[in-house]
N, C-alpha and C. Protein backbone atom coordinates (compact mmCIF):
# COMPACT_ATOMS: atom_id res chain seq x y z
N MET A 1 0.82 -1.21 0.00
CA MET A 1 0.00 0.00 -0.01
C MET A 1 0.84 1.26 -0.01
N ASP A 2 1.98 1.24 0.71
CA ASP A 2 2.79 2.46 0.81
C ASP A 2 3.54 2.77 -0.47
N LEU A 3 3.83 1.79 -1.30
CA LEU A 3 4.54 2.01 -2.52
C LEU A 3 3.62 2.03 -3.75
N GLY A 4 2.57 1.24 -3.67
CA GLY A 4 1.69 1.06 -4.84
C GLY A 4 1.05 2.32 -5.34
N CYS A 5 0.68 3.20 -4.45
CA CYS A 5 0.04 4.46 -4.91
C CYS A 5 0.99 5.29 -5.73
N HIS A 6 2.27 5.30 -5.39
CA HIS A 6 3.25 6.07 -6.18
C HIS A 6 3.43 5.45 -7.56
N ASN A 7 3.43 4.10 -7.63
CA ASN A 7 3.58 3.45 -8.91
C ASN A 7 2.34 3.59 -9.76
N MET A 8 1.21 3.87 -9.18
CA MET A 8 -0.02 4.10 -9.92
C MET A 8 -0.07 5.53 -10.46
N ASP A 9 0.59 6.50 -9.79
CA ASP A 9 0.56 7.87 -10.25
C ASP A 9 1.20 8.04 -11.62
N LEU A 10 2.36 7.43 -11.81
CA LEU A 10 3.11 7.64 -13.08
C LEU A 10 2.37 7.13 -14.31
N PRO A 11 1.86 5.90 -14.35
CA PRO A 11 1.16 5.53 -15.60
C PRO A 11 -0.11 6.31 -15.81
N ARG A 12 -0.80 6.71 -14.74
CA ARG A 12 -1.98 7.52 -14.89
C ARG A 12 -1.64 8.85 -15.57
N ARG A 13 -0.49 9.47 -15.10
CA ARG A 13 -0.09 10.77 -15.62
C ARG A 13 0.48 10.62 -17.04
N LEU A 14 1.27 9.58 -17.30
CA LEU A 14 1.87 9.43 -18.64
C LEU A 14 0.82 9.12 -19.72
N THR A 15 -0.20 8.33 -19.36
CA THR A 15 -1.19 7.95 -20.34
C THR A 15 -2.41 8.88 -20.38
N GLY A 16 -2.65 9.58 -19.26
CA GLY A 16 -3.84 10.42 -19.20
C GLY A 16 -5.13 9.56 -19.14
N ARG A 17 -4.95 8.31 -18.73
CA ARG A 17 -6.09 7.37 -18.68
C ARG A 17 -6.21 6.79 -17.29
N GLU A 18 -7.38 6.20 -17.03
CA GLU A 18 -7.66 5.59 -15.73
C GLU A 18 -7.64 4.09 -15.89
N PRO A 19 -7.29 3.38 -14.82
CA PRO A 19 -7.29 1.89 -14.86
C PRO A 19 -8.72 1.38 -15.05
N ALA A 20 -8.84 0.40 -15.93
CA ALA A 20 -10.14 -0.25 -16.12
C ALA A 20 -10.18 -1.58 -15.41
N GLU A 21 -9.03 -2.21 -15.21
CA GLU A 21 -8.93 -3.50 -14.54
C GLU A 21 -7.60 -3.55 -13.75
N THR A 22 -7.65 -3.99 -12.54
CA THR A 22 -6.46 -4.04 -11.71
C THR A 22 -6.44 -5.36 -10.92
N THR A 23 -5.28 -5.98 -10.90
CA THR A 23 -5.13 -7.19 -10.13
C THR A 23 -3.74 -7.23 -9.53
N ALA A 24 -3.56 -7.93 -8.42
CA ALA A 24 -2.25 -7.98 -7.78
C ALA A 24 -2.15 -9.24 -6.83
N LYS A 25 -0.96 -9.48 -6.49
CA LYS A 25 -0.66 -10.52 -5.48
C LYS A 25 0.28 -9.86 -4.45
N MET A 26 0.40 -10.39 -3.29
CA MET A 26 1.35 -9.86 -2.30
C MET A 26 1.82 -10.97 -1.39
N SER A 27 3.03 -10.77 -0.85
CA SER A 27 3.58 -11.74 0.11
C SER A 27 4.63 -11.09 0.92
N ASN A 28 5.16 -11.80 1.89
CA ASN A 28 6.23 -11.32 2.73
C ASN A 28 7.38 -12.34 2.65
N ARG A 29 8.48 -11.95 2.02
CA ARG A 29 9.59 -12.87 1.83
C ARG A 29 10.86 -12.40 2.57
N ARG A 30 11.02 -11.13 2.84
CA ARG A 30 12.23 -10.65 3.47
C ARG A 30 12.01 -10.30 4.93
N PHE A 31 10.93 -9.60 5.24
CA PHE A 31 10.68 -9.15 6.59
C PHE A 31 9.71 -10.10 7.30
N THR A 32 10.05 -11.37 7.35
CA THR A 32 9.15 -12.37 7.88
C THR A 32 8.89 -12.23 9.37
N ASP A 33 9.69 -11.43 10.06
CA ASP A 33 9.45 -11.19 11.51
C ASP A 33 8.28 -10.23 11.73
N LEU A 34 7.83 -9.57 10.66
CA LEU A 34 6.68 -8.66 10.76
C LEU A 34 5.46 -9.37 10.21
N ALA A 35 4.65 -9.86 11.11
CA ALA A 35 3.52 -10.74 10.74
C ALA A 35 2.56 -10.20 9.74
N SER A 36 2.19 -8.94 9.82
CA SER A 36 1.15 -8.41 8.93
C SER A 36 1.74 -7.50 7.83
N PHE A 37 3.05 -7.59 7.61
CA PHE A 37 3.73 -6.74 6.61
C PHE A 37 3.89 -7.51 5.31
N HIS A 38 3.61 -6.85 4.22
CA HIS A 38 3.83 -7.44 2.87
C HIS A 38 4.96 -6.66 2.24
N ASP A 39 6.05 -7.35 1.92
CA ASP A 39 7.23 -6.64 1.39
C ASP A 39 7.31 -6.63 -0.13
N ASN A 40 6.36 -7.29 -0.81
CA ASN A 40 6.32 -7.26 -2.25
C ASN A 40 4.87 -7.45 -2.73
N ALA A 41 4.56 -6.77 -3.83
CA ALA A 41 3.20 -6.87 -4.37
C ALA A 41 3.19 -6.52 -5.85
N PRO A 42 3.52 -7.50 -6.70
CA PRO A 42 3.41 -7.22 -8.15
C PRO A 42 1.98 -7.10 -8.55
N GLY A 43 1.72 -6.21 -9.49
CA GLY A 43 0.36 -5.99 -9.97
C GLY A 43 0.30 -5.76 -11.45
N PHE A 44 -0.90 -5.77 -11.96
CA PHE A 44 -1.16 -5.54 -13.39
C PHE A 44 -2.38 -4.66 -13.52
N CYS A 45 -2.29 -3.67 -14.40
CA CYS A 45 -3.44 -2.82 -14.70
C CYS A 45 -3.67 -2.75 -16.20
N ARG A 46 -4.91 -2.84 -16.59
CA ARG A 46 -5.27 -2.56 -17.98
C ARG A 46 -5.99 -1.22 -17.92
N PHE A 47 -5.44 -0.25 -18.61
CA PHE A 47 -6.01 1.11 -18.60
C PHE A 47 -6.99 1.26 -19.73
N GLU A 48 -7.84 2.28 -19.63
CA GLU A 48 -8.75 2.63 -20.72
C GLU A 48 -7.97 2.71 -22.03
N GLY A 49 -8.54 2.18 -23.09
CA GLY A 49 -7.87 2.24 -24.39
C GLY A 49 -6.86 1.07 -24.60
N GLY A 50 -6.79 0.15 -23.64
CA GLY A 50 -5.96 -1.03 -23.81
C GLY A 50 -4.51 -0.90 -23.38
N VAL A 51 -4.13 0.19 -22.75
CA VAL A 51 -2.73 0.31 -22.24
C VAL A 51 -2.56 -0.65 -21.08
N ALA A 52 -1.51 -1.52 -21.16
CA ALA A 52 -1.25 -2.47 -20.13
C ALA A 52 -0.05 -2.01 -19.30
N VAL A 53 -0.16 -2.12 -17.99
CA VAL A 53 0.92 -1.68 -17.08
C VAL A 53 1.18 -2.79 -16.05
N HIS A 54 2.45 -3.19 -15.95
CA HIS A 54 2.88 -4.07 -14.88
C HIS A 54 3.48 -3.20 -13.78
N LEU A 55 3.01 -3.39 -12.57
CA LEU A 55 3.46 -2.59 -11.42
C LEU A 55 4.28 -3.50 -10.48
N GLU A 56 5.47 -3.08 -10.20
CA GLU A 56 6.32 -3.88 -9.32
C GLU A 56 6.76 -3.01 -8.13
N GLN A 57 6.21 -3.27 -7.00
CA GLN A 57 6.60 -2.53 -5.79
C GLN A 57 7.09 -3.51 -4.73
N ASN A 58 8.26 -3.21 -4.19
CA ASN A 58 8.77 -4.15 -3.17
C ASN A 58 9.82 -3.45 -2.33
N TRP A 59 10.14 -4.10 -1.23
CA TRP A 59 11.18 -3.70 -0.30
C TRP A 59 12.26 -4.76 -0.27
N LEU A 60 12.57 -5.34 -1.43
CA LEU A 60 13.46 -6.47 -1.46
C LEU A 60 14.94 -6.14 -1.81
N HIS A 61 15.21 -4.90 -2.23
CA HIS A 61 16.60 -4.55 -2.53
C HIS A 61 17.40 -4.44 -1.25
N PRO A 62 18.66 -4.88 -1.29
CA PRO A 62 19.53 -4.70 -0.10
C PRO A 62 19.68 -3.22 0.23
N ALA A 63 19.64 -2.88 1.50
CA ALA A 63 19.75 -1.49 1.96
C ALA A 63 21.02 -0.86 1.48
N ALA A 64 22.10 -1.63 1.29
CA ALA A 64 23.40 -1.06 0.88
C ALA A 64 23.44 -0.73 -0.61
N SER A 65 22.43 -1.16 -1.36
CA SER A 65 22.42 -0.90 -2.80
C SER A 65 22.20 0.56 -3.08
N ARG A 66 22.89 1.13 -4.03
CA ARG A 66 22.68 2.53 -4.41
C ARG A 66 21.33 2.69 -5.06
N LEU A 67 20.70 1.61 -5.47
CA LEU A 67 19.39 1.65 -6.13
C LEU A 67 18.23 1.41 -5.19
N SER A 68 18.51 1.14 -3.95
CA SER A 68 17.48 0.81 -3.01
C SER A 68 16.45 1.92 -2.89
N GLY A 69 15.17 1.62 -3.26
CA GLY A 69 14.10 2.56 -3.13
C GLY A 69 14.09 3.70 -4.09
N ASP A 70 14.96 3.71 -5.09
CA ASP A 70 15.06 4.89 -5.97
C ASP A 70 15.21 4.46 -7.41
N ARG A 71 14.14 3.83 -7.94
CA ARG A 71 14.21 3.34 -9.31
C ARG A 71 12.81 3.32 -9.92
N CYS A 72 12.78 3.44 -11.21
CA CYS A 72 11.49 3.44 -11.91
C CYS A 72 11.78 3.02 -13.37
N THR A 73 11.05 2.06 -13.90
CA THR A 73 11.17 1.64 -15.25
C THR A 73 9.84 1.73 -15.97
N VAL A 74 9.81 2.42 -17.12
CA VAL A 74 8.64 2.50 -17.96
C VAL A 74 8.91 1.69 -19.20
N VAL A 75 8.12 0.68 -19.50
CA VAL A 75 8.31 -0.20 -20.66
C VAL A 75 7.18 0.05 -21.64
N GLY A 76 7.57 0.35 -22.85
CA GLY A 76 6.59 0.54 -23.96
C GLY A 76 6.83 -0.41 -25.09
N THR A 77 6.05 -0.32 -26.11
CA THR A 77 6.19 -1.22 -27.29
C THR A 77 7.45 -0.92 -28.07
N GLU A 78 8.03 0.25 -27.95
CA GLU A 78 9.24 0.61 -28.72
C GLU A 78 10.51 0.67 -27.87
N GLY A 79 10.38 0.44 -26.55
CA GLY A 79 11.56 0.48 -25.71
C GLY A 79 11.25 0.73 -24.26
N THR A 80 12.29 1.14 -23.50
CA THR A 80 12.17 1.37 -22.09
C THR A 80 12.78 2.73 -21.71
N LEU A 81 12.27 3.30 -20.63
CA LEU A 81 12.82 4.49 -20.01
C LEU A 81 13.06 4.10 -18.57
N GLU A 82 14.32 4.24 -18.14
CA GLU A 82 14.67 3.75 -16.81
C GLU A 82 15.38 4.81 -16.02
N TYR A 83 14.87 5.03 -14.79
CA TYR A 83 15.49 5.94 -13.82
C TYR A 83 16.11 5.09 -12.75
N ARG A 84 17.40 5.30 -12.46
CA ARG A 84 18.09 4.47 -11.49
C ARG A 84 18.78 5.27 -10.42
N GLY A 85 18.14 6.25 -9.86
CA GLY A 85 18.68 7.00 -8.72
C GLY A 85 20.04 7.58 -8.92
N SER A 86 20.67 7.89 -7.78
CA SER A 86 22.05 8.44 -7.78
C SER A 86 22.22 9.55 -8.78
N GLY A 87 21.60 10.66 -8.56
CA GLY A 87 21.70 11.79 -9.50
C GLY A 87 20.52 11.75 -10.45
N SER A 88 20.83 11.94 -11.72
CA SER A 88 19.72 11.98 -12.68
C SER A 88 19.98 11.02 -13.83
N LEU A 89 20.48 9.81 -13.54
CA LEU A 89 20.74 8.86 -14.56
C LEU A 89 19.40 8.33 -15.12
N LEU A 90 19.16 8.69 -16.36
CA LEU A 90 17.95 8.30 -17.06
C LEU A 90 18.40 7.65 -18.38
N THR A 91 18.01 6.42 -18.61
CA THR A 91 18.43 5.66 -19.74
C THR A 91 17.22 5.33 -20.63
N LEU A 92 17.30 5.73 -21.90
CA LEU A 92 16.28 5.40 -22.89
C LEU A 92 16.85 4.27 -23.74
N THR A 93 16.17 3.18 -23.84
CA THR A 93 16.59 2.04 -24.67
C THR A 93 15.51 1.76 -25.71
N THR A 94 15.88 1.85 -27.00
CA THR A 94 14.95 1.58 -28.04
C THR A 94 15.51 0.48 -28.97
N PHE A 95 14.62 -0.15 -29.74
CA PHE A 95 15.05 -1.16 -30.67
C PHE A 95 15.98 -0.53 -31.75
N ALA A 96 15.68 0.65 -32.14
CA ALA A 96 16.42 1.30 -33.24
C ALA A 96 17.77 1.84 -32.81
N ARG A 97 17.86 2.34 -31.54
CA ARG A 97 19.08 3.05 -31.16
C ARG A 97 19.83 2.43 -29.95
N GLY A 98 19.30 1.41 -29.33
CA GLY A 98 19.92 0.83 -28.17
C GLY A 98 19.86 1.73 -26.96
N ASP A 99 20.85 1.62 -26.04
CA ASP A 99 20.86 2.43 -24.81
C ASP A 99 21.45 3.81 -25.10
N GLU A 100 20.81 4.81 -24.50
CA GLU A 100 21.37 6.13 -24.51
C GLU A 100 20.95 6.85 -23.21
N THR A 101 21.92 7.51 -22.61
CA THR A 101 21.66 8.31 -21.42
C THR A 101 21.10 9.62 -21.86
N ILE A 102 19.99 10.03 -21.25
CA ILE A 102 19.37 11.28 -21.63
C ILE A 102 19.26 12.18 -20.44
N THR A 103 19.22 13.48 -20.67
CA THR A 103 19.00 14.47 -19.64
C THR A 103 17.69 15.18 -19.98
N PRO A 104 16.73 15.11 -19.08
CA PRO A 104 15.46 15.79 -19.34
C PRO A 104 15.64 17.29 -19.54
N ASP A 105 14.86 17.87 -20.43
CA ASP A 105 14.88 19.31 -20.62
C ASP A 105 14.23 19.97 -19.42
N HIS A 106 14.94 20.87 -18.77
CA HIS A 106 14.45 21.50 -17.51
C HIS A 106 13.66 22.78 -17.77
N SER A 107 13.46 23.16 -19.03
CA SER A 107 12.72 24.40 -19.27
C SER A 107 11.83 24.26 -20.46
N PRO A 108 10.51 24.27 -20.33
CA PRO A 108 9.81 24.26 -19.03
C PRO A 108 9.84 22.89 -18.42
N VAL A 109 9.48 22.80 -17.14
CA VAL A 109 9.50 21.51 -16.45
C VAL A 109 8.33 20.68 -16.98
N GLY A 110 8.68 19.56 -17.59
CA GLY A 110 7.67 18.64 -18.10
C GLY A 110 7.21 17.66 -17.06
N LEU A 111 6.21 16.90 -17.39
CA LEU A 111 5.59 15.94 -16.45
C LEU A 111 6.61 14.91 -15.98
N LEU A 112 7.31 14.23 -16.90
CA LEU A 112 8.26 13.22 -16.47
C LEU A 112 9.40 13.81 -15.71
N ASP A 113 9.91 14.97 -16.15
CA ASP A 113 10.99 15.62 -15.47
C ASP A 113 10.61 15.97 -14.04
N ASP A 114 9.40 16.52 -13.84
CA ASP A 114 8.97 16.87 -12.51
C ASP A 114 8.83 15.63 -11.66
N PHE A 115 8.32 14.54 -12.24
CA PHE A 115 8.17 13.29 -11.50
C PHE A 115 9.54 12.81 -11.04
N LEU A 116 10.54 12.79 -11.95
CA LEU A 116 11.88 12.33 -11.59
C LEU A 116 12.52 13.27 -10.57
N ARG A 117 12.32 14.58 -10.73
CA ARG A 117 12.87 15.52 -9.74
C ARG A 117 12.20 15.34 -8.38
N THR A 118 10.92 15.02 -8.38
CA THR A 118 10.23 14.82 -7.13
C THR A 118 10.77 13.58 -6.43
N LEU A 119 11.14 12.50 -7.19
CA LEU A 119 11.77 11.35 -6.57
C LEU A 119 13.05 11.71 -5.83
N ARG A 120 13.77 12.77 -6.33
CA ARG A 120 14.99 13.22 -5.69
C ARG A 120 14.71 14.36 -4.69
N SER A 121 13.43 14.60 -4.37
CA SER A 121 13.02 15.69 -3.46
C SER A 121 13.36 17.06 -4.01
N GLU A 122 13.37 17.22 -5.32
CA GLU A 122 13.65 18.52 -5.92
C GLU A 122 12.48 19.05 -6.75
N GLY A 123 11.51 18.19 -7.11
CA GLY A 123 10.39 18.63 -7.94
C GLY A 123 9.27 19.20 -7.12
N SER A 124 8.18 19.50 -7.82
CA SER A 124 7.04 20.11 -7.15
C SER A 124 6.34 19.14 -6.20
N GLY A 125 6.36 17.86 -6.59
CA GLY A 125 5.68 16.86 -5.77
C GLY A 125 4.20 17.08 -5.70
N ASN A 126 3.69 17.97 -6.53
CA ASN A 126 2.29 18.32 -6.48
C ASN A 126 1.40 17.38 -7.28
N LEU A 127 0.43 16.81 -6.62
CA LEU A 127 -0.62 16.08 -7.23
C LEU A 127 -1.91 16.72 -6.71
N SER A 128 -2.88 16.82 -7.58
CA SER A 128 -4.17 17.35 -7.13
C SER A 128 -4.84 16.34 -6.21
N THR A 129 -5.82 16.82 -5.49
CA THR A 129 -6.59 15.92 -4.60
C THR A 129 -7.26 14.84 -5.48
N ALA A 130 -7.79 15.21 -6.60
CA ALA A 130 -8.45 14.21 -7.50
C ALA A 130 -7.46 13.17 -7.97
N GLU A 131 -6.23 13.59 -8.35
CA GLU A 131 -5.21 12.63 -8.78
C GLU A 131 -4.84 11.67 -7.62
N THR A 132 -4.68 12.24 -6.45
CA THR A 132 -4.31 11.42 -5.30
C THR A 132 -5.41 10.42 -4.98
N LEU A 133 -6.65 10.86 -5.02
CA LEU A 133 -7.77 9.93 -4.74
C LEU A 133 -7.89 8.85 -5.81
N ALA A 134 -7.69 9.20 -7.07
CA ALA A 134 -7.78 8.24 -8.17
C ALA A 134 -6.68 7.16 -8.04
N SER A 135 -5.47 7.57 -7.74
CA SER A 135 -4.37 6.61 -7.60
C SER A 135 -4.61 5.76 -6.35
N THR A 136 -5.05 6.35 -5.28
CA THR A 136 -5.33 5.62 -4.04
C THR A 136 -6.46 4.58 -4.28
N ARG A 137 -7.49 4.99 -5.01
CA ARG A 137 -8.60 4.11 -5.29
C ARG A 137 -8.09 2.88 -6.10
N ALA A 138 -7.31 3.12 -7.16
CA ALA A 138 -6.77 2.00 -7.96
C ALA A 138 -5.86 1.10 -7.11
N THR A 139 -5.12 1.71 -6.20
CA THR A 139 -4.23 0.92 -5.33
C THR A 139 -5.03 0.08 -4.37
N LEU A 140 -6.11 0.62 -3.84
CA LEU A 140 -6.97 -0.14 -2.93
C LEU A 140 -7.66 -1.30 -3.66
N ILE A 141 -8.03 -1.10 -4.91
CA ILE A 141 -8.64 -2.17 -5.73
C ILE A 141 -7.59 -3.29 -5.94
N ALA A 142 -6.33 -2.91 -6.24
CA ALA A 142 -5.28 -3.87 -6.38
C ALA A 142 -5.01 -4.62 -5.08
N HIS A 143 -5.05 -3.90 -3.97
CA HIS A 143 -4.85 -4.53 -2.64
C HIS A 143 -5.97 -5.52 -2.38
N GLU A 144 -7.19 -5.14 -2.69
CA GLU A 144 -8.31 -6.05 -2.47
C GLU A 144 -8.17 -7.31 -3.34
N SER A 145 -7.71 -7.13 -4.56
CA SER A 145 -7.43 -8.28 -5.42
C SER A 145 -6.42 -9.20 -4.82
N ALA A 146 -5.32 -8.64 -4.26
CA ALA A 146 -4.29 -9.44 -3.64
C ALA A 146 -4.78 -10.16 -2.39
N VAL A 147 -5.64 -9.52 -1.65
CA VAL A 147 -6.17 -10.16 -0.38
C VAL A 147 -7.09 -11.31 -0.77
N THR A 148 -7.89 -11.13 -1.79
CA THR A 148 -8.87 -12.14 -2.15
C THR A 148 -8.33 -13.16 -3.16
């Protein structure tokens, strides 16, 4: 629940669409001493218009990893966009061009740039109440799916 809402914000904002179907599973594999804690919960959403999104939220990375808690991967039909923390390392990988490190244009601040800057506590971090409620609703539906 604590990670899922953030992972729901990005695809909603990138696609401009709402989830039409959401499903998830959850378990506790690392923090087994915490009886009611779930440390991983992969999910799947089908958005309006047929956009499919796999959501992977977990607390499974080693704490010593430079990537722990600071990563995001967007996968599309033509490639991937990957943010891997530690500064502003953003890698675009396409079938046509392979891997390339890109720097988001900071003027004006675009949606993806603001999202990535917010991950580093530098962006606006602003979501409207309606956006927050919509992402929370979708996350609660995924949670209910995982419970049942």
